[in-house]
Structure formats: C-alpha cells, structure tokens
Protein backbone atom coordinates (compact mmCIF):
# COMPACT_ATOMS: atom_id res chain seq x y z
CA MET A 1 44.78 52.51 64.25
CA LYS A 2 41.11 51.94 63.51
CA ILE A 3 38.28 52.88 65.86
CA ILE A 4 35.09 50.85 65.73
CA LYS A 5 31.91 50.88 67.78
CA ILE A 6 30.54 47.84 69.56
CA ASP A 7 26.93 48.03 70.69
CA LYS A 8 26.66 46.53 74.18
CA LYS A 9 23.53 44.70 73.04
CA THR A 10 25.67 42.62 70.66
CA TRP A 11 28.73 42.40 72.91
CA ALA A 12 27.84 39.04 74.44
CA ASP A 13 27.17 37.47 71.04
CA GLY A 14 30.59 38.58 69.85
CA LEU A 15 32.33 37.01 72.83
CA GLU A 16 30.50 33.73 72.26
CA ARG A 17 31.72 33.70 68.65
CA LEU A 18 35.27 34.24 69.90
CA LYS A 19 35.08 31.00 71.85
CA ASN A 20 35.05 29.10 68.55
CA GLN A 21 38.65 30.21 67.89
CA TYR A 22 40.04 31.27 71.27
CA ARG A 23 40.11 30.22 74.87
CA VAL A 24 38.62 33.39 76.31
CA TYR A 25 39.62 34.71 79.73
CA GLY A 26 38.11 37.57 81.67
CA PRO A 27 37.60 38.93 85.20
CA VAL A 28 35.17 36.78 87.18
CA LYS A 29 33.86 37.54 90.66
CA GLU A 30 34.63 34.84 93.22
CA ASP A 31 32.59 33.91 96.27
CA GLN A 32 34.86 35.98 98.52
CA GLY A 33 34.03 39.09 96.50
CA PHE A 34 37.37 39.32 94.70
CA HIS A 35 37.80 39.21 90.94
CA THR A 36 40.29 36.94 89.18
CA TYR A 37 40.99 36.14 85.52
CA GLN A 38 39.41 32.80 84.64
CA PRO A 39 38.50 30.94 81.43
CA LEU A 40 34.95 31.91 80.49
CA GLN A 41 32.53 29.03 80.13
CA ASP A 42 29.76 28.89 77.52
CA GLY A 43 27.35 31.72 78.16
CA GLN A 44 29.58 33.28 80.82
CA GLN A 45 30.55 36.94 80.43
CA PRO A 46 33.47 38.83 81.98
CA ASP A 47 32.58 41.23 84.77
CA LEU A 48 33.90 44.49 83.36
CA ASN A 49 32.49 46.52 86.23
CA CYS A 50 35.28 45.54 88.63
CA LEU A 51 37.85 48.25 89.28
CA ASN A 52 40.73 45.78 89.30
CA THR A 53 41.38 42.10 89.89
CA ARG A 54 43.11 40.79 93.01
CA LEU A 55 45.79 39.13 90.87
CA SER A 56 47.01 40.36 87.50
CA PRO A 57 46.62 38.29 84.31
CA LYS A 58 50.34 37.40 84.33
CA ALA A 59 49.48 33.81 85.30
CA ILE A 60 47.84 33.28 81.89
CA VAL A 61 51.28 33.64 80.27
CA HIS A 62 53.45 32.65 83.26
CA PRO A 63 51.43 30.03 85.23
CA GLN A 64 51.94 29.73 88.96
CA SER A 65 52.87 26.07 88.40
CA HIS A 66 53.95 24.81 85.01
CA PRO A 67 55.15 21.26 84.11
CA MET A 68 58.31 21.29 82.00
CA PHE A 69 59.38 17.61 81.85
CA GLU A 70 58.04 14.25 82.96
CA TYR A 71 59.86 11.00 83.67
CA SER A 72 59.51 7.52 85.09
CA LEU A 73 61.71 5.83 87.69
CA ASP A 74 60.32 2.41 86.82
CA GLU A 75 63.28 0.47 85.42
CA LYS A 76 60.91 -1.95 83.73
CA GLN A 77 60.14 0.78 81.22
CA ALA A 78 62.54 1.27 78.32
CA ASP A 79 62.64 5.06 78.74
CA HIS A 80 63.08 5.14 82.50
CA HIS A 81 65.08 8.04 83.99
CA ILE A 82 64.73 10.00 80.75
CA MET A 83 63.33 13.53 80.87
CA LYS A 84 60.58 13.99 78.28
CA PRO A 85 59.27 17.49 77.51
CA VAL A 86 55.67 18.12 78.43
CA GLU A 87 54.02 19.47 75.31
CA ALA A 88 52.43 22.79 76.16
CA GLY A 89 49.95 22.63 73.31
CA GLU A 90 49.62 26.40 73.21
CA ILE A 91 46.23 27.44 71.84
CA SER A 92 45.05 30.88 70.86
CA ARG A 93 43.90 32.78 73.91
CA ALA A 94 42.08 36.08 74.31
CA VAL A 95 42.20 37.98 77.58
CA VAL A 96 39.28 40.41 77.73
CA GLY A 97 39.15 43.33 80.14
CA VAL A 98 42.88 43.72 80.78
CA ARG A 99 43.65 47.01 82.45
CA PRO A 100 46.30 49.12 80.65
CA CYS A 101 48.72 48.86 83.59
CA ASP A 102 48.59 45.05 83.51
CA ALA A 103 49.25 45.07 79.76
CA LYS A 104 52.20 47.44 80.17
CA ALA A 105 53.62 45.02 82.75
CA PHE A 106 54.12 42.37 80.07
CA GLN A 107 56.49 44.75 78.27
CA LEU A 108 58.65 45.03 81.38
CA VAL A 109 58.55 41.32 82.16
CA LYS A 110 59.51 40.47 78.59
CA LEU A 111 62.92 42.06 79.22
CA ASN A 112 63.67 39.11 81.49
CA PHE A 113 62.34 36.29 79.31
CA ASP A 114 63.50 37.56 75.90
CA THR A 115 67.18 38.49 75.99
CA PRO A 116 69.96 38.31 73.39
CA GLU A 117 71.52 35.45 75.39
CA TYR A 118 68.40 33.46 76.23
CA LYS A 119 64.84 33.29 75.02
CA ASP A 120 62.51 31.46 77.37
CA PRO A 121 60.30 29.24 75.17
CA TYR A 122 57.63 28.68 77.82
CA TRP A 123 56.92 32.38 78.38
CA LEU A 124 57.40 33.48 74.77
CA ASN A 125 55.20 30.77 73.25
CA ALA A 126 52.38 31.51 75.68
CA TYR A 127 52.75 35.26 75.11
CA ALA A 128 52.66 34.86 71.32
CA ALA A 129 49.47 32.82 71.57
CA THR A 130 47.68 35.48 73.59
CA THR A 131 45.64 38.45 72.35
CA PHE A 132 45.05 41.22 74.87
CA VAL A 133 41.78 43.14 74.80
CA GLY A 134 42.19 46.03 77.20
CA LEU A 135 39.62 48.10 79.03
CA ALA A 136 40.42 51.75 79.70
CA CYS A 137 39.99 52.94 83.28
CA ASN A 138 37.35 55.66 83.38
CA ASP A 139 37.40 55.55 87.20
CA PRO A 140 40.88 54.56 88.49
CA CYS A 141 41.32 53.14 91.99
CA SER A 142 42.37 55.53 94.74
CA THR A 143 45.72 53.72 95.06
CA CYS A 144 46.58 53.87 91.34
CA PHE A 145 49.66 55.92 90.48
CA CYS A 146 50.05 54.76 86.87
CA THR A 147 50.48 58.21 85.30
CA THR A 148 53.82 58.73 87.09
CA SER A 149 55.11 55.19 86.51
CA GLY A 150 55.19 55.12 82.72
CA CYS A 151 51.57 54.16 82.19
CA GLY A 152 48.06 55.61 82.36
CA PRO A 153 44.34 54.74 82.38
CA PHE A 154 44.17 54.79 78.56
CA HIS A 155 47.69 53.41 77.90
CA GLU A 156 47.96 51.27 74.76
CA GLU A 157 51.36 49.51 74.92
CA GLU A 158 51.16 45.69 74.70
CA LEU A 159 47.43 45.80 73.97
CA ASP A 160 45.94 44.50 70.75
CA ILE A 161 42.60 46.23 71.30
CA LEU A 162 41.69 48.98 73.76
CA LEU A 163 38.03 49.19 74.75
CA ILE A 164 36.59 52.45 76.07
CA ASP A 165 33.23 52.34 77.81
CA MET A 166 31.04 55.01 76.19
CA GLY A 167 27.82 54.15 78.00
CA GLU A 168 25.60 52.29 75.54
CA GLU A 169 28.56 51.13 73.47
CA TYR A 170 32.26 50.40 73.51
CA ALA A 171 34.70 52.29 71.35
CA ALA A 172 37.40 49.84 70.33
CA ASN A 173 40.84 50.96 69.18
CA ILE A 174 42.23 48.20 66.97
CA LEU A 175 45.96 48.47 67.63
CA THR A 176 47.56 45.38 66.02
CA GLU A 177 46.99 42.70 63.42
CA LYS A 178 46.18 40.26 66.22
CA GLY A 179 43.55 42.69 67.41
CA ALA A 180 42.08 43.03 63.93
CA HIS A 181 41.86 39.24 63.59
CA LEU A 182 40.10 38.93 66.93
CA ALA A 183 37.65 41.71 66.06
CA GLY A 184 36.86 39.91 62.83
CA ALA A 185 36.32 36.62 64.65
CA ALA A 186 33.87 38.38 66.98
CA GLY A 187 32.07 40.06 64.09
CA TRP A 188 33.02 43.54 65.23
CA ASN A 189 34.92 44.67 62.15
CA ALA A 190 31.77 45.46 60.15
CA VAL A 191 30.71 48.35 62.39
CA GLU A 192 31.41 51.73 60.83
CA GLU A 193 33.71 54.25 62.41
CA GLU A 194 32.06 57.34 63.85
CA MET A 195 33.32 60.72 62.73
CA GLY A 196 34.59 62.82 65.63
CA MET A 197 35.21 59.81 67.87
CA ASP A 198 38.87 60.77 68.35
CA GLY A 199 37.91 64.01 70.07
CA ARG A 200 35.47 62.29 72.40
CA LEU A 201 38.06 59.70 73.39
CA ALA A 202 40.67 62.38 74.03
CA ASP A 203 38.29 64.18 76.38
CA GLN A 204 37.47 60.95 78.20
CA LYS A 205 41.17 60.09 78.55
CA GLN A 206 41.93 63.52 79.99
CA ALA A 207 39.05 63.21 82.46
CA ALA A 208 40.29 59.78 83.61
CA GLU A 209 43.86 60.98 84.11
CA ALA A 210 42.57 63.94 86.15
CA LYS A 211 41.06 61.47 88.63
CA ILE A 212 44.48 60.05 89.54
CA ARG A 213 45.35 61.36 92.98
CA SER A 214 48.36 59.21 93.81
CA PHE A 215 51.82 59.92 92.43
CA VAL A 216 55.48 58.93 92.71
CA LYS A 217 58.63 60.85 91.85
CA THR A 218 61.31 58.92 89.98
CA ASP A 219 63.41 61.66 88.39
CA ARG A 220 66.48 61.17 90.63
CA LEU A 221 66.55 57.38 90.94
CA ARG A 222 69.09 56.91 88.17
CA GLU A 223 71.53 59.49 89.50
CA VAL A 224 71.46 58.38 93.16
CA GLU A 225 74.62 56.39 93.89
CA THR A 226 73.74 52.70 94.25
CA THR A 227 76.01 51.81 97.17
CA ALA A 228 74.95 54.84 99.17
CA LEU A 229 71.29 54.02 98.56
CA TYR A 230 71.93 50.41 99.58
CA GLU A 231 73.36 51.64 102.89
CA ALA A 232 70.61 54.21 103.49
CA PRO A 233 69.32 54.35 107.08
CA PHE A 234 65.63 53.99 106.26
CA TRP A 235 65.67 50.29 105.26
CA GLU A 236 65.44 49.01 108.83
CA GLU A 237 62.29 51.04 109.48
CA ILE A 238 60.69 49.93 106.20
CA ALA A 239 61.44 46.27 106.86
CA PHE A 240 60.43 46.33 110.53
CA SER A 241 56.78 45.39 109.99
CA CYS A 242 57.30 43.01 107.05
CA ILE A 243 56.18 39.42 107.76
CA ASN A 244 57.69 37.97 104.54
CA CYS A 245 54.30 36.67 103.38
CA GLY A 246 55.08 37.22 99.69
CA THR A 247 51.71 38.86 98.95
CA CYS A 248 53.38 41.82 97.25
CA THR A 249 55.34 39.63 94.83
CA TYR A 250 52.46 37.32 93.92
CA ALA A 251 50.08 40.24 93.38
CA CYS A 252 52.61 42.30 91.40
CA PRO A 253 52.20 42.06 87.60
CA THR A 254 55.92 42.74 87.05
CA CYS A 255 57.36 40.10 89.40
CA TRP A 256 58.73 37.12 87.48
CA CYS A 257 60.79 35.01 89.92
CA PHE A 258 60.36 31.24 89.78
CA ASP A 259 61.94 28.05 91.11
CA ILE A 260 62.33 24.65 89.44
CA GLN A 261 61.56 21.53 91.46
CA ASP A 262 60.98 17.83 90.87
CA GLU A 263 57.68 16.47 92.13
CA THR A 264 57.32 12.69 92.33
CA HIS A 265 54.45 10.34 93.07
CA GLY A 266 55.43 6.73 93.32
CA GLN A 267 57.73 6.08 90.37
CA SER A 268 56.39 8.92 88.23
CA GLY A 269 57.78 12.42 88.33
CA LYS A 270 57.52 15.86 86.82
CA ARG A 271 59.91 18.77 86.74
CA MET A 272 57.87 21.84 87.58
CA ARG A 273 58.42 25.57 87.28
CA ASN A 274 56.72 27.33 90.21
CA TRP A 275 56.42 30.95 91.23
CA ASP A 276 58.86 31.95 93.94
CA SER A 277 59.30 35.12 95.98
CA CYS A 278 62.32 37.15 97.02
CA MET A 279 60.48 37.70 100.31
CA TYR A 280 60.94 34.07 101.34
CA PRO A 281 63.90 33.19 103.62
CA LEU A 282 64.93 30.21 101.44
CA PHE A 283 64.84 32.16 98.16
CA THR A 284 68.62 32.75 98.05
CA LEU A 285 69.76 29.80 100.16
CA HIS A 286 72.86 28.27 98.53
CA GLY A 287 73.64 24.58 98.39
CA SER A 288 76.57 25.30 100.70
CA GLY A 289 74.17 26.52 103.37
CA HIS A 290 75.15 30.18 102.95
CA ASN A 291 72.28 32.63 102.52
CA PRO A 292 73.29 36.12 101.31
CA ARG A 293 69.84 37.49 102.23
CA SER A 294 69.26 35.75 105.52
CA THR A 295 67.40 38.61 107.22
CA LYS A 296 64.20 40.32 106.20
CA ILE A 297 65.89 43.70 105.91
CA HIS A 298 68.08 42.17 103.19
CA ARG A 299 65.01 40.80 101.40
CA VAL A 300 62.85 43.91 101.66
CA ARG A 301 65.72 46.09 100.48
CA GLN A 302 66.36 43.76 97.54
CA ARG A 303 62.74 43.96 96.39
CA PHE A 304 62.66 47.75 96.28
CA MET A 305 66.21 48.20 95.04
CA HIS A 306 65.48 45.82 92.16
CA LYS A 307 62.26 47.53 91.10
CA LEU A 308 63.31 51.12 91.69
CA LYS A 309 67.09 51.17 91.20
CA TYR A 310 68.72 48.10 89.62
CA PHE A 311 66.06 47.85 86.90
CA VAL A 312 66.33 51.58 86.20
CA ASP A 313 70.12 51.39 85.90
CA LYS A 314 70.17 48.26 83.74
CA TYR A 315 67.43 48.98 81.23
CA ASP A 316 66.91 52.75 81.34
CA ALA A 317 63.22 52.01 80.75
CA GLY A 318 61.66 53.56 83.83
CA ILE A 319 60.89 51.71 87.05
CA GLN A 320 59.82 48.07 87.24
CA CYS A 321 56.37 49.12 88.37
CA VAL A 322 53.23 50.12 86.48
CA GLY A 323 51.42 51.82 89.34
CA CYS A 324 48.54 49.34 89.66
CA GLY A 325 48.50 49.79 93.45
CA ARG A 326 47.88 46.11 94.26
CA CYS A 327 50.75 45.83 96.72
CA VAL A 328 49.53 48.98 98.45
CA ARG A 329 46.01 47.60 98.84
CA LEU A 330 46.96 44.03 99.76
CA CYS A 331 50.00 44.35 102.03
CA PRO A 332 48.78 43.17 105.45
CA VAL A 333 51.22 45.48 107.28
CA ASN A 334 50.78 48.57 105.06
CA ILE A 335 54.22 48.79 103.48
CA ASP A 336 53.72 51.35 100.71
CA ILE A 337 55.88 51.35 97.58
CA ARG A 338 54.94 55.00 96.95
CA LYS A 339 56.51 56.03 100.24
CA VAL A 340 59.59 53.89 99.62
CA CYS A 341 60.01 55.33 96.13
CA GLY A 342 59.82 58.83 97.61
CA LEU A 343 62.49 58.03 100.19
CA MET A 344 64.79 56.57 97.56
CA ASN A 345 64.22 59.33 95.02
CA SER A 346 64.86 62.12 97.52
CA TYR A 347 67.75 60.51 99.36
CA ASP A 348 70.61 62.95 99.81
CA THR A 349 73.75 60.83 99.54
CA SER A 350 76.10 63.78 100.06
CA ALA A 351 74.63 64.71 103.41
CA CYS A 352 73.76 61.10 104.33
CA VAL A 353 70.32 62.19 105.42
CA CYS A 354 66.91 60.85 104.53
CA PRO A 355 64.44 63.72 103.99
CA THR A 356 60.73 63.22 104.34
CA PRO A 357 59.20 62.61 100.88
C-alpha cells in the first residue's frame, strides 16, 4: 500500500485528465435534492460532500435494464428469428466517491455472479472494467451500522483507492494495480508520501468509527435452527405494514435479483435483463399458476431470511448486508432491518419465545 497526498487545488485537474482514459462516474445532486451516481460531463465534478447517495453504485456494474440479445421477426431478412448478442463494448470506468460499504457490497454480490458452476459474463466483464475510488466516511449517517456488519467507515475491501478527506488535501491509499494506474492517469502518483501519515489516518479512522451509534448483533444467526426461525411468531407483525413497493431491494447494494424478458417494437425485438424484486407478488409465480410466496408475509420473511440466515449458512461470510442504512431511511412504512436482525439473532427456539432485542 502506498499513501499519496492530493492537493484539493489540483483535484479537479486530475479528474479531467482521467476522462481521457475512463468514463468517470461520481455522486451528482439531482433537482429533488438526492444524490445519484452519474457519468461526469466535461468540467463537472462529483459532489463529495453528500453523506450517501439514494441508490448505490451497483447499477454501474449491474444496470437496471441491460440488453442481452436482439432479433428481427421480419422474414424478409436472412437472419430473422435469430438471437444476436448485443455487444456490451465495455470501456474502462472509474467510480469516484464510492463509500466503503458500497464497495464491500460488490464482494458479497460477486458470490452470486462468479461461482464454480457459472460465471456471469455481463456482471464480471463490467466489474473488471471498473476502478473504484472510495471516500472514507468521516461523518457516518445516523442510520449506518457498518461496523457490526463486516464493514466500517474506512473499510478497504473491493476498493482500488481509498480517499481520506484531510481538510486542504486528500490522503489516497493506493490499494491495487488498477488504483495505481488510475492515479498515474490523473497525475497523482508524483506527489511524495508524507512521513507520519499512517498515524494521522489511524486516529481519523478511530474517530469516525466512534461516531457510529447504530449496531446489530449477528453472533447467533448461524446457530439458530432454520426451520424454527422460519416459523417464528414475529414475521406476521413485521410484514403487517409492508406495501411490497420494492424500495428496500432497489436501494440495497447487495440485492441482485433480475428477470429476463423480451421487448418488441414492430418486428424488432430485444431480450432484456431487468432488475426484479422478491417483494413483488409475481416474483415467484410459476408457469403452472402456482405461487409459493403468494402472500406478503412469505415475501417479507424470504427477504430477511435470505440476507440474515440463508446467506450466513451457505457462505459463512457474515450477513448479506453492509450496514449502509438505506433501507432504514427509505422504507415508507419504517420496517427496520436492525430490529429484524435483533429479533432473529435473539430468538429462543427452545422456549419458542421471541424476546425483545
């Protein structure tokens, strides 16, 4: 690891140089006041003062709608009714200002798209073409619980560079070869390392972690018996207020579900991969007409059991949550994953009671 300093006076010039080699993304404030990750136009800078974006940067690697194949139904054409792959044309991309929790999420999502049995070329090619420039959280949101979900405000996993705001300058931890290449393209690699920087960063990291006031307990999730937890009495109360809007799944950086549909216009068609949500009533509808999760209690339970139990049991890699707090902030009916995690973690299967977390 190499630590370099970036003077904020030269920061903008470095980002402009990056645009010669990368499509640069960063948080941009929209008219409604929310921030989203968008491609930066010439002269446009990312707004690094936002605490967190409304949606995570997962869509840069896993787009909400992605064309896979195209075809023609016009029998006058020689190649009619033949599926032709849509060339993705992956270009080098740099995502600037990624929060450590959002970067960590890619590590969890990768477990689904990169398996010994199947490697998803769409996700993996886009991921390989992307360089992640993170921004440490000096002032975490009040709903963040990253330190107890396998992450933290200065977490480095899946980042190529981690920026730390030091006031008049950024300290940049160069973590990978991709990060070193990007720093060179921006002209940042010529800045000398400051002696004693490690100690200053350690103090800043400790101060940021001390500001986290929201926590979850996960120590018993693996040992709680799955069937008993599935039949726990608290699911009906949790699901009661849910309106199946899907906000939690779209906002979550670790949700990966998608559907594949054909979209036609006249005699032209495309096969699309679109985000889907386990909160939707049609998500598990079979061709036979049977729906194994026909009620919202089934769907709400599935969401939390997957993230906090099935994932834990299958991968032994912690929970499928990075503690970003988006679902807590955005749920219109105030369903709180921290409370649900507490109920699941403290559930006493022997006494069949549900203690207060």
